[in-house]
Amino acid sequence: MSRQSAKHMNFECIDFHAHPIPDSFVSGLKELGIDPIEEDGFPLPKWSLQDHLQFMKDAGITHTVLTLPTPHIHNGEDEKAARAARLINNEMASYAKQDPEHFSFCACLPIPNVQGALEEIRYAAEELHCAGFKLPTNANGVYLGDPMLDPVMEELNRRKALCIIHPCRARQVPYNVITGKVMAIYEYPADTTRCVLNMIASHIMSRFPDITWVIPHTGSFLAYELQRFKGVSGILASLGMMEVTDVDAEVRNLYYDIAGDPQPHALDMLLKITDIDHIVYGSDWPHSPAAAVIPKKQRLESAETLSEVLKKIYSENGERILRK
């Protein structure tokens, strides 16, 4: 389903953070020599389209924007990564074509292979009618905001693309502590925060204003780091060590999903740096099992403080994104 076709649909709850595990993804990782457990300390969960539909029914989710999980499909071999991306995107497009009422998808890109990414953007947008693109925080160590990715940013901006960010493991982590063994504990939010700060410093949002960005996991550590970044970057700019950066302007139009644990603290913290019009729902299924996701969603729905705004998080903000 493209964003154009979304204009004719009604939504009750849109999930912006849920992951398919296509066969082509599993085989692509093997072809690239990428082991999910070695990469992330976490195995790929079992998944099927029918299981996903059942989960959506049980959780009260009416539409899912499918995005690949980690690991990112690049391990130093551009041609293999481009071939894997094409096979994966074709398979994900088949899910959306088979059931457009319940599924759309964001295409993956073989960055930092810039030429391969540009070719895949055209193919996925024009031939597969993707809803947007999934981008990793870092692609084999190259972070969003790196100048080498500017041609990709230019094309995404030209197409007014939806881009959903997903964390990846940093290339170097301290393995002698628990945070370096299971990436979901700390490294995922840390790398998301690292990535967005790099995008701010590189003025990605102001230079490419027509890209719609969705930041995962209730903003990760940004609620704390933005104020610190303002202070330190101001000092560095006064010393001529970096360009002056209007941090508030860079982050003003970012969207955030609430996958993970938005309550009791994270959502309140996120609302210190954004407003309710820029927050969308995310389940993180199947990496977060239904037995964990559904009670969290029920707690959201029973929170008196959210009763007046939950419709915006569940549907209205997401509809605005998909209908651009």
Protein backbone atom coordinates (compact mmCIF):
# COMPACT_ATOMS: atom_id res chain seq x y z
CA MET A 1 0.00 0.00 0.00
CA SER A 2 1.39 3.39 -0.96
CA ARG A 3 0.73 6.56 0.98
CA GLN A 4 -1.50 7.60 -1.91
CA SER A 5 -3.77 4.57 -1.46
CA ALA A 6 -3.89 5.21 2.31
CA LYS A 7 -5.98 8.30 1.60
CA HIS A 8 -9.00 6.09 1.04
CA MET A 9 -8.72 3.97 4.20
CA ASN A 10 -9.92 4.35 7.77
CA PHE A 11 -7.72 3.36 10.70
CA GLU A 12 -8.36 2.69 14.38
CA CYS A 13 -4.82 1.82 15.47
CA ILE A 14 -1.76 1.96 13.23
CA ASP A 15 1.38 0.11 14.27
CA PHE A 16 4.54 1.88 13.07
CA HIS A 17 6.99 -0.47 14.76
CA ALA A 18 6.45 -4.14 13.94
CA HIS A 19 8.72 -6.54 12.14
CA PRO A 20 8.22 -9.24 9.55
CA ILE A 21 10.82 -12.00 9.29
CA PRO A 22 10.68 -12.83 5.57
CA ASP A 23 12.40 -15.98 4.35
CA SER A 24 14.44 -13.75 2.05
CA PHE A 25 15.71 -11.83 5.08
CA VAL A 26 16.84 -14.98 6.84
CA SER A 27 18.56 -16.30 3.72
CA GLY A 28 20.02 -12.89 2.93
CA LEU A 29 21.66 -12.67 6.35
CA LYS A 30 23.17 -16.13 5.82
CA GLU A 31 24.46 -15.13 2.39
CA LEU A 32 26.06 -12.05 3.94
CA GLY A 33 27.53 -14.02 6.84
CA ILE A 34 25.57 -12.08 9.47
CA ASP A 35 24.52 -14.03 12.56
CA PRO A 36 21.64 -12.32 14.44
CA ILE A 37 22.66 -13.78 17.81
CA GLU A 38 26.29 -12.77 17.37
CA GLU A 39 25.21 -9.35 16.10
CA ASP A 40 22.52 -8.52 18.64
CA GLY A 41 22.59 -11.13 21.39
CA PHE A 42 19.01 -12.01 20.46
CA PRO A 43 17.63 -14.63 18.04
CA LEU A 44 15.20 -13.79 15.28
CA PRO A 45 11.72 -14.71 16.55
CA LYS A 46 9.34 -16.96 14.68
CA TRP A 47 6.97 -15.07 12.41
CA SER A 48 4.30 -15.65 9.79
CA LEU A 49 1.76 -13.41 8.13
CA GLN A 50 -1.09 -15.38 9.70
CA ASP A 51 0.46 -15.11 13.15
CA HIS A 52 0.84 -11.38 12.61
CA LEU A 53 -2.82 -11.03 11.67
CA GLN A 54 -3.85 -12.97 14.76
CA PHE A 55 -1.67 -10.75 16.95
CA MET A 56 -3.21 -7.63 15.41
CA LYS A 57 -6.70 -8.96 16.07
CA ASP A 58 -5.86 -9.82 19.68
CA ALA A 59 -4.15 -6.46 20.28
CA GLY A 60 -6.73 -4.29 18.54
CA ILE A 61 -4.38 -3.10 15.79
CA THR A 62 -6.04 -2.40 12.45
CA HIS A 63 -3.03 -1.62 10.22
CA THR A 64 0.70 -2.32 10.41
CA VAL A 65 3.53 -0.59 8.57
CA LEU A 66 6.01 -3.46 8.30
CA THR A 67 9.71 -2.66 8.76
CA LEU A 68 12.68 -5.02 8.91
CA PRO A 69 14.30 -5.61 12.29
CA THR A 70 18.01 -5.62 12.96
CA PRO A 71 20.58 -6.85 11.85
CA HIS A 72 21.04 -4.50 8.93
CA ILE A 73 21.68 -6.25 5.62
CA HIS A 74 25.17 -4.98 4.90
CA ASN A 75 28.42 -6.54 5.98
CA GLY A 76 30.89 -4.96 3.58
CA GLU A 77 29.72 -6.50 0.29
CA ASP A 78 27.72 -3.99 -1.76
CA GLU A 79 26.43 -6.36 -4.45
CA LYS A 80 25.24 -8.98 -1.98
CA ALA A 81 23.51 -6.31 0.11
CA ALA A 82 21.75 -4.86 -2.94
CA ARG A 83 20.62 -8.32 -4.04
CA ALA A 84 19.31 -9.10 -0.56
CA ALA A 85 17.41 -5.80 -0.36
CA ARG A 86 15.69 -6.45 -3.69
CA LEU A 87 14.55 -9.95 -2.69
CA ILE A 88 13.36 -8.79 0.73
CA ASN A 89 11.45 -5.82 -0.64
CA ASN A 90 9.73 -7.98 -3.25
CA GLU A 91 8.64 -10.37 -0.51
CA MET A 92 7.40 -7.60 1.79
CA ALA A 93 5.54 -5.99 -1.10
CA SER A 94 3.74 -9.30 -1.63
CA TYR A 95 2.36 -9.09 1.93
CA ALA A 96 0.99 -5.60 1.32
CA LYS A 97 -0.42 -6.57 -2.07
CA GLN A 98 -2.07 -9.66 -0.59
CA ASP A 99 -3.70 -7.74 2.28
CA PRO A 100 -3.52 -3.94 1.81
CA GLU A 101 -6.17 -3.35 4.46
CA HIS A 102 -3.90 -4.68 7.18
CA PHE A 103 -0.37 -4.20 5.83
CA SER A 104 1.87 -1.67 4.15
CA PHE A 105 5.65 -1.75 4.25
CA CYS A 106 8.78 0.33 4.36
CA ALA A 107 11.46 -0.87 1.98
CA CYS A 108 14.96 -1.62 3.20
CA LEU A 109 18.00 -0.08 1.53
CA PRO A 110 21.52 -1.53 1.10
CA ILE A 111 23.30 1.51 2.55
CA PRO A 112 26.12 2.48 2.76
CA ASN A 113 26.03 1.29 -0.86
CA VAL A 114 24.79 4.64 -2.17
CA GLN A 115 24.23 3.67 -5.80
CA GLY A 116 22.44 0.49 -4.77
CA ALA A 117 20.27 2.48 -2.37
CA LEU A 118 19.31 5.01 -5.06
CA GLU A 119 18.33 2.20 -7.41
CA GLU A 120 16.30 0.50 -4.68
CA ILE A 121 14.49 3.72 -3.73
CA ARG A 122 13.29 4.12 -7.30
CA TYR A 123 12.30 0.47 -7.62
CA ALA A 124 10.53 0.22 -4.26
CA ALA A 125 8.67 3.51 -4.71
CA GLU A 126 7.69 3.18 -8.36
CA GLU A 127 7.30 -0.56 -8.84
CA LEU A 128 6.41 -1.85 -5.36
CA HIS A 129 4.56 1.25 -4.09
CA CYS A 130 6.12 1.12 -0.64
CA ALA A 131 4.79 3.37 2.11
CA GLY A 132 8.30 4.54 2.94
CA PHE A 133 11.76 3.35 3.85
CA LYS A 134 13.40 1.75 6.86
CA LEU A 135 16.83 3.13 7.68
CA PRO A 136 19.25 1.74 10.27
CA THR A 137 20.90 4.07 12.76
CA ASN A 138 24.21 2.94 11.34
CA ALA A 139 24.97 0.87 8.28
CA ASN A 140 28.17 -1.08 8.83
CA GLY A 141 29.41 1.84 10.91
CA VAL A 142 28.18 4.67 8.65
CA TYR A 143 25.63 6.76 10.56
CA LEU A 144 22.71 8.77 9.23
CA GLY A 145 24.07 12.28 8.89
CA ASP A 146 27.31 11.11 7.30
CA PRO A 147 28.02 13.25 4.19
CA MET A 148 28.50 10.13 2.05
CA LEU A 149 24.75 9.46 2.42
CA ASP A 150 23.71 12.93 1.22
CA PRO A 151 22.73 11.66 -2.27
CA VAL A 152 20.36 9.19 -0.57
CA MET A 153 18.93 11.98 1.60
CA GLU A 154 18.45 14.16 -1.47
CA GLU A 155 16.46 11.46 -3.25
CA LEU A 156 14.35 10.67 -0.19
CA ASN A 157 13.66 14.38 0.22
CA ARG A 158 12.71 14.74 -3.44
CA ARG A 159 10.19 11.96 -3.01
CA LYS A 160 8.87 13.39 0.30
CA ALA A 161 9.55 9.99 1.81
CA LEU A 162 8.50 8.51 5.12
CA CYS A 163 11.62 7.14 6.83
CA ILE A 164 11.39 4.94 9.92
CA ILE A 165 14.63 4.57 11.84
CA HIS A 166 15.59 1.33 13.58
CA PRO A 167 18.64 0.88 15.83
CA CYS A 168 21.60 -1.30 15.01
CA ARG A 169 24.55 -2.39 17.09
CA ALA A 170 27.44 0.03 17.09
CA ARG A 171 30.50 -1.51 15.49
CA GLN A 172 32.38 -1.43 18.80
CA VAL A 173 30.69 -2.18 22.12
CA PRO A 174 32.09 -3.27 25.52
CA TYR A 175 31.31 -6.98 25.68
CA ASN A 176 32.45 -7.38 29.30
CA VAL A 177 29.21 -5.79 30.59
CA ILE A 178 25.58 -6.87 30.18
CA THR A 179 24.77 -3.83 28.04
CA GLY A 180 27.27 -5.04 25.46
CA LYS A 181 25.93 -8.59 25.35
CA VAL A 182 22.21 -8.03 24.65
CA MET A 183 21.77 -4.98 22.45
CA ALA A 184 18.11 -4.41 23.37
CA ILE A 185 19.00 -3.47 26.95
CA TYR A 186 21.08 -0.37 26.23
CA GLU A 187 22.79 -0.29 22.84
CA TYR A 188 19.58 0.04 20.81
CA PRO A 189 18.43 3.25 22.54
CA ALA A 190 22.02 4.46 22.77
CA ASP A 191 22.62 4.02 19.04
CA THR A 192 19.29 5.65 18.18
CA THR A 193 20.25 8.65 20.29
CA ARG A 194 23.76 8.72 18.81
CA CYS A 195 22.27 8.64 15.31
CA VAL A 196 19.74 11.42 15.86
CA LEU A 197 22.34 13.68 17.48
CA ASN A 198 24.54 13.12 14.43
CA MET A 199 21.62 14.02 12.17
CA ILE A 200 21.05 17.21 14.18
CA ALA A 201 24.73 18.19 14.00
CA SER A 202 24.66 17.54 10.23
CA HIS A 203 21.45 19.60 9.84
CA ILE A 204 19.71 16.70 8.12
CA MET A 205 16.19 17.79 9.05
CA SER A 206 16.65 21.40 7.93
CA ARG A 207 18.59 20.52 4.77
CA PHE A 208 16.09 17.82 3.76
CA PRO A 209 12.81 19.16 5.20
CA ASP A 210 10.43 17.02 3.15
CA ILE A 211 11.50 13.71 4.72
CA THR A 212 9.15 12.53 7.47
CA TRP A 213 11.20 10.84 10.21
CA VAL A 214 9.89 8.41 12.84
CA ILE A 215 12.25 7.84 15.79
CA PRO A 216 11.77 4.54 17.69
CA HIS A 217 11.32 3.51 21.31
CA THR A 218 9.72 6.65 22.76
CA GLY A 219 12.63 8.77 21.61
CA SER A 220 15.25 6.57 23.28
CA PHE A 221 17.56 8.84 25.37
CA LEU A 222 16.75 12.06 23.52
CA ALA A 223 14.62 13.54 26.30
CA TYR A 224 17.79 13.80 28.39
CA GLU A 225 20.39 14.30 25.70
CA LEU A 226 18.80 17.15 23.74
CA GLN A 227 19.29 19.69 26.51
CA ARG A 228 22.85 18.53 27.10
CA PHE A 229 23.55 18.65 23.36
CA LYS A 230 22.25 22.23 23.18
CA GLY A 231 24.65 23.30 25.89
CA VAL A 232 27.73 21.47 24.68
CA SER A 233 27.18 22.26 21.00
CA GLY A 234 26.78 25.93 21.90
CA ILE A 235 30.17 25.88 23.64
CA LEU A 236 31.78 24.06 20.71
CA ALA A 237 30.27 26.51 18.22
CA SER A 238 31.62 29.47 20.23
CA LEU A 239 35.09 27.89 19.96
CA GLY A 240 34.73 27.37 16.22
CA MET A 241 34.75 23.58 16.66
CA MET A 242 31.34 22.97 15.05
CA GLU A 243 28.68 24.89 13.19
CA VAL A 244 25.99 26.74 15.10
CA THR A 245 22.99 24.40 15.34
CA ASP A 246 19.38 25.32 16.07
CA VAL A 247 18.56 22.09 17.88
CA ASP A 248 14.90 22.95 18.46
CA ALA A 249 14.37 23.66 14.76
CA GLU A 250 16.05 20.39 13.76
CA VAL A 251 13.81 18.23 15.95
CA ARG A 252 10.57 20.20 15.68
CA ASN A 253 8.96 17.97 13.06
CA LEU A 254 10.25 14.57 14.15
CA TYR A 255 7.75 11.84 14.96
CA TYR A 256 8.28 9.19 17.64
CA ASP A 257 6.83 5.72 18.11
CA ILE A 258 6.13 4.37 21.59
CA ALA A 259 7.39 0.81 21.08
CA GLY A 260 8.95 -0.61 24.21
CA ASP A 261 7.98 0.71 27.64
CA PRO A 262 6.30 4.13 27.38
CA GLN A 263 4.87 3.89 30.89
CA PRO A 264 5.27 4.90 33.65
CA HIS A 265 8.03 7.40 32.79
CA ALA A 266 9.24 7.37 29.16
CA LEU A 267 6.15 8.90 27.54
CA ASP A 268 6.05 11.72 30.09
CA MET A 269 9.73 12.40 29.39
CA LEU A 270 9.16 12.37 25.62
CA LEU A 271 6.45 15.00 26.00
CA LYS A 272 9.10 17.35 27.38
CA ILE A 273 10.70 17.53 23.92
CA THR A 274 7.71 17.08 21.58
CA ASP A 275 3.92 17.26 21.59
CA ILE A 276 1.16 14.71 21.36
CA ASP A 277 0.70 15.44 17.62
CA HIS A 278 4.09 13.85 16.89
CA ILE A 279 3.66 10.51 18.64
CA VAL A 280 2.51 7.27 16.99
CA TYR A 281 1.88 3.75 18.23
CA GLY A 282 4.43 0.92 17.98
CA SER A 283 4.20 -2.63 19.30
CA ASP A 284 7.66 -4.08 18.50
CA TRP A 285 6.00 -7.44 17.80
CA PRO A 286 7.21 -10.21 17.47
CA HIS A 287 10.45 -9.25 19.25
CA SER A 288 8.18 -8.18 22.11
CA PRO A 289 5.73 -11.07 22.53
CA ALA A 290 1.99 -10.58 22.53
CA ALA A 291 1.86 -11.49 26.23
CA ALA A 292 3.93 -8.36 26.93
CA VAL A 293 2.54 -6.03 24.25
CA ILE A 294 -1.17 -6.46 24.91
CA PRO A 295 -1.07 -5.62 28.65
CA LYS A 296 1.05 -2.53 27.88
CA LYS A 297 -1.52 -1.42 25.32
CA GLN A 298 -4.34 -2.02 27.81
CA ARG A 299 -2.54 0.13 30.38
CA LEU A 300 -2.30 2.93 27.83
CA GLU A 301 -6.02 2.68 27.24
CA SER A 302 -6.87 2.74 30.95
CA ALA A 303 -4.65 5.76 31.75
CA GLU A 304 -6.91 8.71 32.57
CA THR A 305 -4.21 11.17 31.55
CA LEU A 306 -4.24 9.75 28.00
CA SER A 307 -7.97 9.35 27.50
CA GLU A 308 -8.30 12.63 25.58
CA VAL A 309 -5.28 12.10 23.34
CA LEU A 310 -5.01 8.37 22.70
CA LYS A 311 -6.85 8.65 19.39
CA LYS A 312 -4.09 10.94 18.14
CA ILE A 313 -1.41 8.40 19.10
CA TYR A 314 -3.33 5.42 17.74
CA SER A 315 -4.61 6.79 14.46
CA GLU A 316 -4.81 10.51 13.73
CA ASN A 317 -1.08 11.24 13.72
CA GLY A 318 -0.34 8.09 11.77
CA GLU A 319 -3.03 8.86 9.22
CA ARG A 320 -1.45 12.25 8.67
CA ILE A 321 1.91 10.59 7.98
CA LEU A 322 0.52 7.96 5.62
CA ARG A 323 -1.67 10.37 3.71
CA LYS A 324 1.00 12.96 2.92
